[in-house]
Protein backbone atom coordinates (compact mmCIF):
# COMPACT_ATOMS: atom_id res chain seq x y z
CA MET A 1 11.86 15.54 3.30
CA SER A 2 11.96 18.85 5.16
CA TYR A 3 8.78 20.51 6.36
CA PHE A 4 9.64 23.53 4.23
CA ARG A 5 9.50 21.31 1.15
CA ILE A 6 6.20 19.80 2.33
CA ALA A 7 4.78 23.31 2.63
CA MET A 8 6.07 24.14 -0.85
CA TYR A 9 4.10 21.17 -2.22
CA LEU A 10 0.90 21.90 -0.28
CA LEU A 11 0.60 25.66 -0.88
CA PRO A 12 0.74 25.59 -4.71
CA ALA A 13 -1.76 22.72 -4.74
CA LEU A 14 -4.16 24.67 -2.54
CA ALA A 15 -3.74 27.82 -4.65
CA ALA A 16 -4.27 25.86 -7.86
CA SER A 17 -7.44 24.26 -6.46
CA LEU A 18 -8.83 27.66 -5.51
CA ILE A 19 -8.02 29.13 -8.93
CA VAL A 20 -9.61 26.20 -10.75
CA ILE A 21 -12.83 26.32 -8.72
CA LEU A 22 -13.13 30.09 -8.93
CA GLY A 23 -12.40 29.94 -12.64
CA ALA A 24 -15.07 27.32 -13.15
CA THR A 25 -17.54 29.43 -11.22
CA SER A 26 -16.74 32.46 -13.38
CA VAL A 27 -17.14 30.47 -16.59
CA SER A 28 -20.54 29.23 -15.47
CA ALA A 29 -21.61 32.77 -14.73
CA ALA A 30 -20.48 33.95 -18.15
CA ALA A 31 -22.38 31.12 -19.77
CA GLY A 32 -25.57 32.29 -18.14
CA ALA A 33 -25.94 29.61 -15.48
CA TYR A 34 -26.61 32.51 -13.09
CA GLU A 35 -26.27 36.25 -13.49
CA THR A 36 -24.14 37.05 -10.45
CA ILE A 37 -22.12 35.14 -7.90
CA GLY A 38 -23.75 35.63 -4.52
CA SER A 39 -21.88 35.84 -1.26
CA GLY A 40 -23.23 32.41 -0.35
CA ASP A 41 -21.72 30.92 -3.50
CA ILE A 42 -18.33 32.49 -2.83
CA TRP A 43 -18.26 31.17 0.73
CA VAL A 44 -19.23 27.65 -0.35
CA VAL A 45 -16.40 27.75 -2.93
CA VAL A 46 -13.95 28.66 -0.17
CA ALA A 47 -15.45 26.06 2.19
CA SER A 48 -15.08 23.39 -0.51
CA VAL A 49 -11.37 24.17 -0.82
CA LEU A 50 -10.95 24.07 2.97
CA VAL A 51 -12.63 20.66 3.19
CA PHE A 52 -10.43 19.38 0.36
CA LEU A 53 -7.41 20.48 2.40
CA MET A 54 -8.48 17.93 5.02
CA ILE A 55 -7.40 15.10 2.71
CA PRO A 56 -3.63 15.73 2.81
CA GLY A 57 -4.09 16.60 6.48
CA LEU A 58 -5.65 13.19 7.15
CA ALA A 59 -2.97 11.39 5.12
CA LEU A 60 -0.15 13.11 7.04
CA PHE A 61 -1.91 12.47 10.37
CA TYR A 62 -2.38 8.77 9.57
CA GLY A 63 1.10 8.37 8.10
CA GLY A 64 2.83 9.97 11.06
CA LEU A 65 1.03 7.65 13.48
CA LEU A 66 2.17 4.53 11.63
CA ARG A 67 5.63 3.02 11.18
CA LYS A 68 7.91 4.59 8.58
CA GLU A 69 7.50 1.42 6.48
CA SER A 70 3.83 2.35 5.93
CA MET A 71 4.07 6.05 5.06
CA VAL A 72 3.93 5.64 1.28
CA SER A 73 1.16 3.06 1.39
CA ILE A 74 -1.20 5.27 3.42
CA LEU A 75 -0.56 8.18 1.04
CA VAL A 76 -1.28 6.04 -2.01
CA GLN A 77 -4.35 4.40 -0.45
CA THR A 78 -5.75 7.79 0.55
CA THR A 79 -5.20 9.02 -3.00
CA ILE A 80 -6.93 6.10 -4.73
CA VAL A 81 -9.88 6.35 -2.33
CA VAL A 82 -10.26 10.06 -3.08
CA ILE A 83 -9.94 9.61 -6.84
CA MET A 84 -12.42 6.75 -7.12
CA SER A 85 -14.91 8.38 -4.72
CA ALA A 86 -14.84 11.55 -6.83
CA VAL A 87 -15.49 9.57 -10.02
CA VAL A 88 -18.40 7.68 -8.44
CA TRP A 89 -19.89 10.90 -7.04
CA ILE A 90 -19.73 12.73 -10.37
CA VAL A 91 -21.06 9.82 -12.43
CA CYS A 92 -24.00 8.79 -10.26
CA GLY A 93 -23.32 9.18 -6.52
CA TYR A 94 -24.73 12.68 -6.18
CA SER A 95 -27.81 11.72 -8.17
CA LEU A 96 -28.45 8.64 -6.03
CA ALA A 97 -28.06 10.71 -2.86
CA PHE A 98 -29.95 13.90 -3.74
CA SER A 99 -32.58 13.02 -6.32
CA GLY A 100 -35.68 10.84 -6.24
CA GLY A 101 -38.97 10.98 -4.42
CA GLU A 102 -39.69 11.42 -0.74
CA GLY A 103 -39.39 8.41 1.52
CA GLY A 104 -37.23 6.37 -0.83
CA ILE A 105 -34.37 3.97 -0.27
CA ILE A 106 -32.21 5.44 -3.03
CA GLY A 107 -32.43 8.31 -5.48
CA ASP A 108 -32.75 8.09 -9.24
CA LEU A 109 -30.36 8.97 -12.08
CA ASP A 110 -31.79 12.37 -13.05
CA TYR A 111 -28.46 14.07 -12.28
CA LEU A 112 -26.18 11.56 -14.00
CA PHE A 113 -22.74 13.16 -14.56
CA LEU A 114 -24.19 16.32 -12.90
CA ASP A 115 -25.15 17.65 -16.35
CA GLU A 116 -28.71 18.59 -15.40
CA LEU A 117 -27.53 20.80 -12.54
CA ILE A 118 -25.96 23.51 -14.66
CA ASP A 119 -29.03 25.76 -14.83
CA ASP A 120 -30.65 24.64 -11.61
CA MET A 121 -30.49 26.87 -8.55
CA ALA A 122 -33.28 25.24 -6.58
CA ALA A 123 -31.28 22.55 -4.80
CA GLY A 124 -28.72 23.33 -2.15
CA GLY A 125 -30.61 25.98 -0.24
CA GLY A 126 -30.16 28.85 -2.67
CA VAL A 127 -26.57 28.34 -3.79
CA ASP A 128 -25.86 27.11 -7.28
CA SER A 129 -26.74 23.42 -7.45
CA LEU A 130 -23.58 22.37 -9.26
CA LEU A 131 -21.57 24.09 -6.54
CA PHE A 132 -23.65 22.31 -3.92
CA ALA A 133 -22.79 19.00 -5.58
CA VAL A 134 -19.09 19.90 -5.49
CA PHE A 135 -19.29 20.83 -1.81
CA GLN A 136 -21.07 17.57 -0.99
CA MET A 137 -18.44 15.68 -3.00
CA LYS A 138 -15.79 16.82 -0.52
CA PHE A 139 -17.80 15.12 2.23
CA VAL A 140 -17.76 11.71 0.57
CA LEU A 141 -14.06 12.08 -0.25
CA ILE A 142 -12.98 12.73 3.33
CA THR A 143 -15.41 10.16 4.76
CA ALA A 144 -14.11 7.41 2.48
CA ALA A 145 -10.53 8.37 3.31
CA ILE A 146 -11.19 8.21 7.06
CA ILE A 147 -12.26 4.56 7.07
CA ILE A 148 -9.02 3.09 5.72
CA GLY A 149 -7.17 4.14 8.88
CA ALA A 150 -8.86 1.34 10.80
CA CYS A 151 -7.26 -1.42 8.70
CA ALA A 152 -3.92 0.32 8.06
CA GLU A 153 -0.91 -1.92 7.29
CA ARG A 154 -3.00 -5.05 6.71
CA ILE A 155 -4.92 -4.76 3.40
CA ARG A 156 -3.38 -4.71 -0.06
CA PHE A 157 -3.68 -1.72 -2.37
CA LYS A 158 -5.76 -3.55 -5.02
CA THR A 159 -8.34 -4.58 -2.44
CA ILE A 160 -8.55 -1.03 -1.12
CA ALA A 161 -9.05 0.16 -4.72
CA VAL A 162 -12.13 -2.08 -5.07
CA LEU A 163 -13.42 -0.80 -1.74
CA ALA A 164 -12.88 2.76 -3.00
CA VAL A 165 -15.30 2.16 -5.88
CA LEU A 166 -18.01 0.22 -4.06
CA TRP A 167 -18.16 1.98 -0.68
CA PRO A 168 -19.24 5.46 -1.91
CA LEU A 169 -21.79 3.84 -4.21
CA LEU A 170 -23.29 1.23 -1.90
CA VAL A 171 -22.84 2.75 1.57
CA TYR A 172 -22.42 6.53 1.47
CA ALA A 173 -24.91 7.42 -1.28
CA PRO A 174 -27.86 5.43 0.19
CA ALA A 175 -27.28 6.68 3.75
CA CYS A 176 -26.88 10.26 2.54
CA HIS A 177 -30.20 9.93 0.70
CA TRP A 178 -31.94 8.60 3.79
CA VAL A 179 -30.85 11.48 6.04
CA TRP A 180 -30.16 14.48 3.78
CA GLY A 181 -31.75 13.62 0.45
CA GLY A 182 -35.40 13.19 1.46
CA GLY A 183 -35.19 9.42 1.92
CA PHE A 184 -37.21 7.27 4.29
CA LEU A 185 -35.49 8.41 7.50
CA ALA A 186 -35.92 12.10 6.77
CA ASP A 187 -39.48 11.49 5.61
CA SER A 188 -40.53 9.40 8.61
CA PHE A 189 -38.67 11.00 11.53
CA THR A 190 -37.59 14.37 12.87
CA ILE A 191 -33.81 14.36 12.39
CA VAL A 192 -31.37 17.17 13.11
CA ASP A 193 -27.90 16.54 11.68
CA TYR A 194 -26.31 19.80 10.63
CA ALA A 195 -23.03 18.61 9.10
CA GLY A 196 -22.69 14.86 9.30
CA GLY A 197 -22.93 13.15 12.68
CA THR A 198 -24.72 10.27 10.98
CA VAL A 199 -23.85 10.56 7.29
CA VAL A 200 -20.13 11.20 7.81
CA HIS A 201 -18.90 10.13 11.22
CA THR A 202 -21.23 7.27 12.17
CA LEU A 203 -20.74 5.79 8.71
CA ALA A 204 -16.97 6.25 8.88
CA GLY A 205 -16.62 4.86 12.40
CA MET A 206 -18.77 1.79 11.90
CA SER A 207 -17.29 1.09 8.46
CA GLY A 208 -13.84 1.40 9.99
CA LEU A 209 -14.81 -1.05 12.72
CA ALA A 210 -15.95 -3.54 10.07
CA LEU A 211 -12.63 -3.20 8.25
CA ALA A 212 -10.69 -3.65 11.49
CA VAL A 213 -12.63 -6.81 12.34
CA PHE A 214 -12.08 -8.20 8.84
CA ALA A 215 -8.37 -7.34 8.74
CA GLY A 216 -7.58 -8.95 12.08
CA LEU A 217 -4.73 -8.21 14.47
CA ARG A 218 -1.22 -7.07 13.70
CA ALA A 219 1.64 -8.54 15.71
CA LYS A 220 1.87 -7.16 19.26
CA LYS A 221 5.21 -5.43 18.66
CA ILE A 222 3.76 -3.59 15.65
CA ARG A 223 0.60 -2.58 17.47
CA GLU A 224 2.68 -1.22 20.33
CA SER A 225 5.27 0.52 18.13
CA GLN A 226 5.63 4.28 18.49
CA PRO A 227 4.42 6.73 15.79
CA HIS A 228 7.33 7.26 13.45
CA ASN A 229 6.87 11.02 12.88
CA VAL A 230 5.10 13.06 15.55
CA PRO A 231 5.57 16.44 13.78
CA LEU A 232 3.64 15.07 10.78
CA VAL A 233 0.84 14.07 13.14
CA TYR A 234 0.78 17.60 14.53
CA LEU A 235 0.73 19.15 11.05
CA GLY A 236 -2.01 16.78 9.91
CA VAL A 237 -4.24 17.54 12.90
CA PHE A 238 -4.10 21.28 12.36
CA LEU A 239 -4.77 20.93 8.62
CA LEU A 240 -7.84 18.90 9.59
CA TRP A 241 -8.88 21.59 12.08
CA VAL A 242 -8.58 24.31 9.43
CA GLY A 243 -10.56 22.17 7.00
CA TRP A 244 -13.24 21.62 9.63
CA TYR A 245 -14.07 25.32 9.52
CA GLY A 246 -15.11 24.75 5.91
CA PHE A 247 -16.78 21.46 6.80
CA ASN A 248 -19.01 22.92 9.52
CA GLY A 249 -18.98 26.55 8.41
CA GLY A 250 -19.95 25.68 4.85
CA SER A 251 -22.80 23.35 5.73
CA GLY A 252 -25.15 26.28 6.34
CA LEU A 253 -24.76 27.23 2.65
CA GLY A 254 -24.92 30.89 3.55
CA THR A 255 -23.09 33.75 5.17
CA GLY A 256 -23.16 35.83 8.32
CA GLY A 257 -24.30 34.35 11.60
CA THR A 258 -24.40 30.73 10.50
CA ILE A 259 -20.75 30.75 9.44
CA VAL A 260 -19.55 32.66 12.47
CA ARG A 261 -21.47 30.56 14.96
CA SER A 262 -20.33 27.31 13.35
CA ILE A 263 -16.68 28.36 13.44
CA VAL A 264 -16.82 29.59 17.05
CA THR A 265 -18.66 26.52 18.38
CA THR A 266 -16.32 24.24 16.41
CA THR A 267 -13.39 25.92 18.14
CA GLY A 268 -15.04 25.80 21.57
CA SER A 269 -15.73 22.08 21.38
CA ALA A 270 -12.25 21.28 20.04
CA VAL A 271 -10.36 23.14 22.77
CA ALA A 272 -12.60 21.82 25.55
CA ALA A 273 -12.18 18.20 24.41
CA THR A 274 -8.42 18.70 24.12
CA PHE A 275 -8.22 20.01 27.68
CA VAL A 276 -10.13 16.96 28.93
CA TRP A 277 -7.89 14.57 26.98
CA MET A 278 -4.74 16.25 28.32
CA ALA A 279 -6.07 16.11 31.88
CA ALA A 280 -6.96 12.42 31.49
CA GLU A 281 -3.52 11.61 30.07
CA TYR A 282 -1.81 13.40 32.94
CA TYR A 283 -4.03 11.78 35.57
CA PHE A 284 -3.68 8.22 34.28
CA LYS A 285 -0.21 8.29 32.64
CA LYS A 286 1.53 11.27 34.23
CA GLN A 287 2.34 12.67 30.79
CA ILE A 288 0.88 14.88 28.06
CA THR A 289 1.58 13.86 24.47
CA VAL A 290 1.19 15.43 21.03
CA ILE A 291 -0.75 12.32 19.97
CA GLY A 292 -3.16 12.82 22.85
CA VAL A 293 -3.57 16.52 22.11
CA GLY A 294 -4.29 15.76 18.44
CA THR A 295 -6.78 13.03 19.23
CA GLY A 296 -8.56 15.29 21.71
CA ILE A 297 -8.87 18.00 19.08
CA LEU A 298 -10.44 15.53 16.64
CA ALA A 299 -12.84 14.21 19.28
CA GLY A 300 -14.16 17.72 19.95
CA LEU A 301 -14.47 18.46 16.25
CA VAL A 302 -16.43 15.28 15.59
CA PHE A 303 -18.81 15.75 18.54
CA ILE A 304 -19.85 19.27 17.56
CA THR A 305 -20.35 18.52 13.86
CA PRO A 306 -24.05 17.54 13.91
CA MET A 307 -25.05 20.64 15.92
CA ALA A 308 -22.39 23.29 15.17
CA ALA A 309 -24.69 26.07 13.92
CA TYR A 310 -27.57 25.32 16.29
CA VAL A 311 -26.07 25.68 19.79
CA SER A 312 -24.64 28.41 21.99
CA VAL A 313 -20.92 28.84 22.51
CA SER A 314 -21.20 27.75 26.15
CA THR A 315 -23.02 24.61 25.04
CA SER A 316 -20.24 23.82 22.57
CA ILE A 317 -17.73 23.86 25.43
CA ALA A 318 -19.92 21.47 27.41
CA VAL A 319 -20.19 19.23 24.35
CA GLY A 320 -16.40 19.23 24.00
CA ILE A 321 -15.95 18.25 27.64
CA ILE A 322 -18.42 15.39 27.26
CA GLY A 323 -16.93 14.35 23.93
CA GLY A 324 -13.35 14.34 25.16
CA ALA A 325 -14.26 12.16 28.13
CA ILE A 326 -16.32 9.67 26.12
CA CYS A 327 -13.79 9.30 23.29
CA TYR A 328 -10.90 8.91 25.75
CA GLY A 329 -12.82 6.13 27.47
CA PHE A 330 -13.57 4.30 24.24
CA SER A 331 -9.99 4.71 23.02
CA HIS A 332 -8.81 3.09 26.25
CA LEU A 333 -11.40 0.33 25.79
CA ILE A 334 -10.19 -0.45 22.26
CA HIS A 335 -6.45 -0.20 22.89
CA VAL A 336 -6.31 -1.77 26.36
CA THR A 337 -9.36 -3.85 27.25
CA LEU A 338 -10.04 -5.16 23.71
CA LYS A 339 -6.50 -5.00 22.34
CA ASN A 340 -6.42 -8.74 21.63
CA ARG A 341 -9.75 -8.68 19.80
CA ILE A 342 -9.94 -5.47 17.76
CA ASP A 343 -7.07 -3.65 16.06
CA ASP A 344 -8.54 -0.26 15.14
CA ALA A 345 -5.13 1.02 14.12
CA LEU A 346 -5.85 4.76 14.06
CA ASP A 347 -8.87 5.20 16.37
CA VAL A 348 -11.40 5.48 13.55
CA PHE A 349 -14.18 3.92 15.61
CA ALA A 350 -13.15 5.39 18.97
CA VAL A 351 -13.13 8.96 17.62
CA HIS A 352 -15.34 9.14 14.52
CA GLY A 353 -17.80 6.35 15.28
CA VAL A 354 -18.25 7.14 18.96
CA GLY A 355 -18.18 10.89 18.31
CA GLY A 356 -20.73 10.62 15.51
CA ILE A 357 -23.11 8.40 17.48
CA PHE A 358 -23.04 10.26 20.79
CA GLY A 359 -22.70 13.67 19.17
CA THR A 360 -25.88 13.07 17.17
CA ILE A 361 -27.74 11.96 20.28
CA LEU A 362 -26.56 15.04 22.19
CA THR A 363 -27.73 17.16 19.26
CA ALA A 364 -31.28 16.14 20.05
CA LEU A 365 -30.82 17.57 23.55
CA PHE A 366 -28.94 20.82 22.96
CA VAL A 367 -30.11 22.48 19.71
CA GLN A 368 -32.23 25.65 19.86
CA GLU A 369 -34.54 27.30 17.35
CA ILE A 370 -33.16 30.74 18.24
CA TYR A 371 -29.88 29.65 16.60
CA GLY A 372 -31.55 28.38 13.45
CA SER A 373 -32.33 24.79 14.39
CA PRO A 374 -35.55 23.47 12.80
CA VAL A 375 -36.70 22.38 16.29
CA ASP A 376 -35.77 22.90 19.91
CA GLY A 377 -33.85 20.16 21.67
CA LEU A 378 -35.26 18.19 24.54
CA LEU A 379 -33.49 20.34 27.15
CA TYR A 380 -35.08 23.50 25.74
CA GLY A 381 -38.69 22.40 25.70
CA GLY A 382 -38.68 20.42 22.49
CA SER A 383 -40.58 17.18 22.01
CA ALA A 384 -39.04 13.72 22.19
CA ASP A 385 -39.50 13.37 18.42
CA VAL A 386 -36.03 14.70 17.61
CA LEU A 387 -34.38 12.38 20.16
CA ILE A 388 -36.26 9.41 18.73
CA GLY A 389 -35.44 10.48 15.18
CA ASN A 390 -31.73 10.99 15.82
CA CYS A 391 -31.45 7.70 17.71
CA VAL A 392 -33.18 5.83 14.89
CA ALA A 393 -30.96 7.52 12.29
CA VAL A 394 -27.82 6.61 14.25
CA ALA A 395 -28.92 3.01 14.75
CA VAL A 396 -29.88 2.49 11.09
CA CYS A 397 -26.70 4.12 9.75
CA ALA A 398 -24.48 2.24 12.21
CA VAL A 399 -25.88 -1.21 11.50
CA PHE A 400 -26.05 -0.61 7.76
CA ALA A 401 -22.50 0.78 7.57
CA PHE A 402 -20.97 -2.13 9.48
CA ALA A 403 -22.86 -4.85 7.59
CA ALA A 404 -22.49 -3.32 4.12
CA THR A 405 -18.80 -2.47 4.56
CA TYR A 406 -17.97 -5.95 5.81
CA ALA A 407 -19.80 -7.43 2.81
CA ILE A 408 -17.91 -5.11 0.43
CA ILE A 409 -14.46 -5.89 1.83
CA PHE A 410 -15.31 -9.59 1.84
CA LEU A 411 -16.26 -9.35 -1.85
CA ALA A 412 -13.20 -7.24 -2.65
CA ASN A 413 -11.03 -9.86 -0.97
CA LEU A 414 -12.50 -12.51 -3.27
CA ILE A 415 -11.59 -10.43 -6.33
CA PHE A 416 -8.11 -9.44 -5.08
CA PRO A 417 -7.02 -11.45 -2.01
CA GLY A 418 -6.09 -8.59 0.27
CA LYS A 419 -4.95 -9.73 3.70
CA LEU A 420 -1.23 -9.42 4.25
CA SER A 421 0.65 -12.16 6.07
CA GLU A 422 2.40 -11.40 9.35
CA LYS A 423 5.76 -11.44 7.57
CA GLU A 424 4.49 -9.04 4.88
CA ILE A 425 3.07 -6.69 7.52
CA GLU A 426 6.42 -6.60 9.29
CA GLU A 427 8.24 -5.84 6.01
CA GLY A 428 5.82 -3.00 5.31
CA GLN A 429 3.71 -2.17 2.29
CA ASP A 430 5.91 0.69 1.08
CA LEU A 431 8.59 -1.58 -0.34
CA LEU A 432 6.41 -4.67 -0.67
CA GLU A 433 3.75 -3.12 -2.91
CA HIS A 434 4.98 0.28 -4.03
CA HIS A 435 8.76 -0.22 -4.17
CA GLU A 436 9.19 3.23 -2.69
CA ASP A 437 10.75 4.49 0.51
CA ALA A 438 9.28 7.66 1.99
CA TYR A 439 12.60 8.75 3.44
CA SER A 440 15.24 7.59 0.97
């Protein structure tokens, strides 16, 4: 399939998504849900579409990194994860995450099917609450999609489908409530997590690590095989980068300085981490690769996420440098030192897990009240409370995500035995399960 045809599929889908969301917003306004659409609402609509664009970006990125025999399977698995996560979020996930009393373990069912949000403008920091729920839905969709990259080529579609139902309900919703929904972590500690260092990336990385441990190792020749389509990897990375502007820029739920600062610091961290990754590749391997460039970009994007709106531009560059170095080191650890123990196929833990954990800890050091942070970081005269709070949040989310995800995939494997044999892995899931060839 030519890249022109790929673009012809993506652009109409993006345009249709924007029209549908804008149309829904207009209908709500006409029905009296709110009198006018504020600038904050319009930006969150746009940000929601940008985050949704990350999903095909992630699928193309993952697919390009794998063998050609696995391209269809990763597209289908990404799709089922997104569909089931959206259903769970609409039915009860949002309610469990963002309703309920202070200090709780899980929310209640006041917002079942999101029906009670239609006239409510209190939640979501001033934007329409139903729109806030839609924006937050994009977070669970992309987070759930990220984790399947760790066990790529080894778990059957039916087992992934069970995971797609249970993971948003039993892992994402509780952790989101603890950190962002007024749960026990937010109630007991000072936590600064602007856009998902804990809720998105720590959960994704540690859940991915659990899946990789459960799935076991692929054959050496498959693990060491080259990505089958580097241009798709490149396209996927830049779709993710564009979507990240909505991810970080939209998390402030407003306009003006918050959006601009988030976008600029997101860019600063991404380019700095990429430079470090390229330099490390050249120093250790005497080469610079598209795969390395793309992974460096993602490392910088992940590291800046929990602090994007709350730091200076110069700080974001420093964060990117630190993030690129740390993620490169962990990627080397996974793929070289631990290659016979852990098969994290697509660097889910090395980039998202490590980036989420260390990025959230650095947040406690670098944020400043002058940029809108609720507290100053430790390096700017703040108390140790935020460092303690962020470390506790990271530790709780990490342990919970690993244990709960392993339990879920273990249960899913009992319902639909999911591990592929070595022969089946070599044949590839595209023809084995889906009877479809991506390039026929």
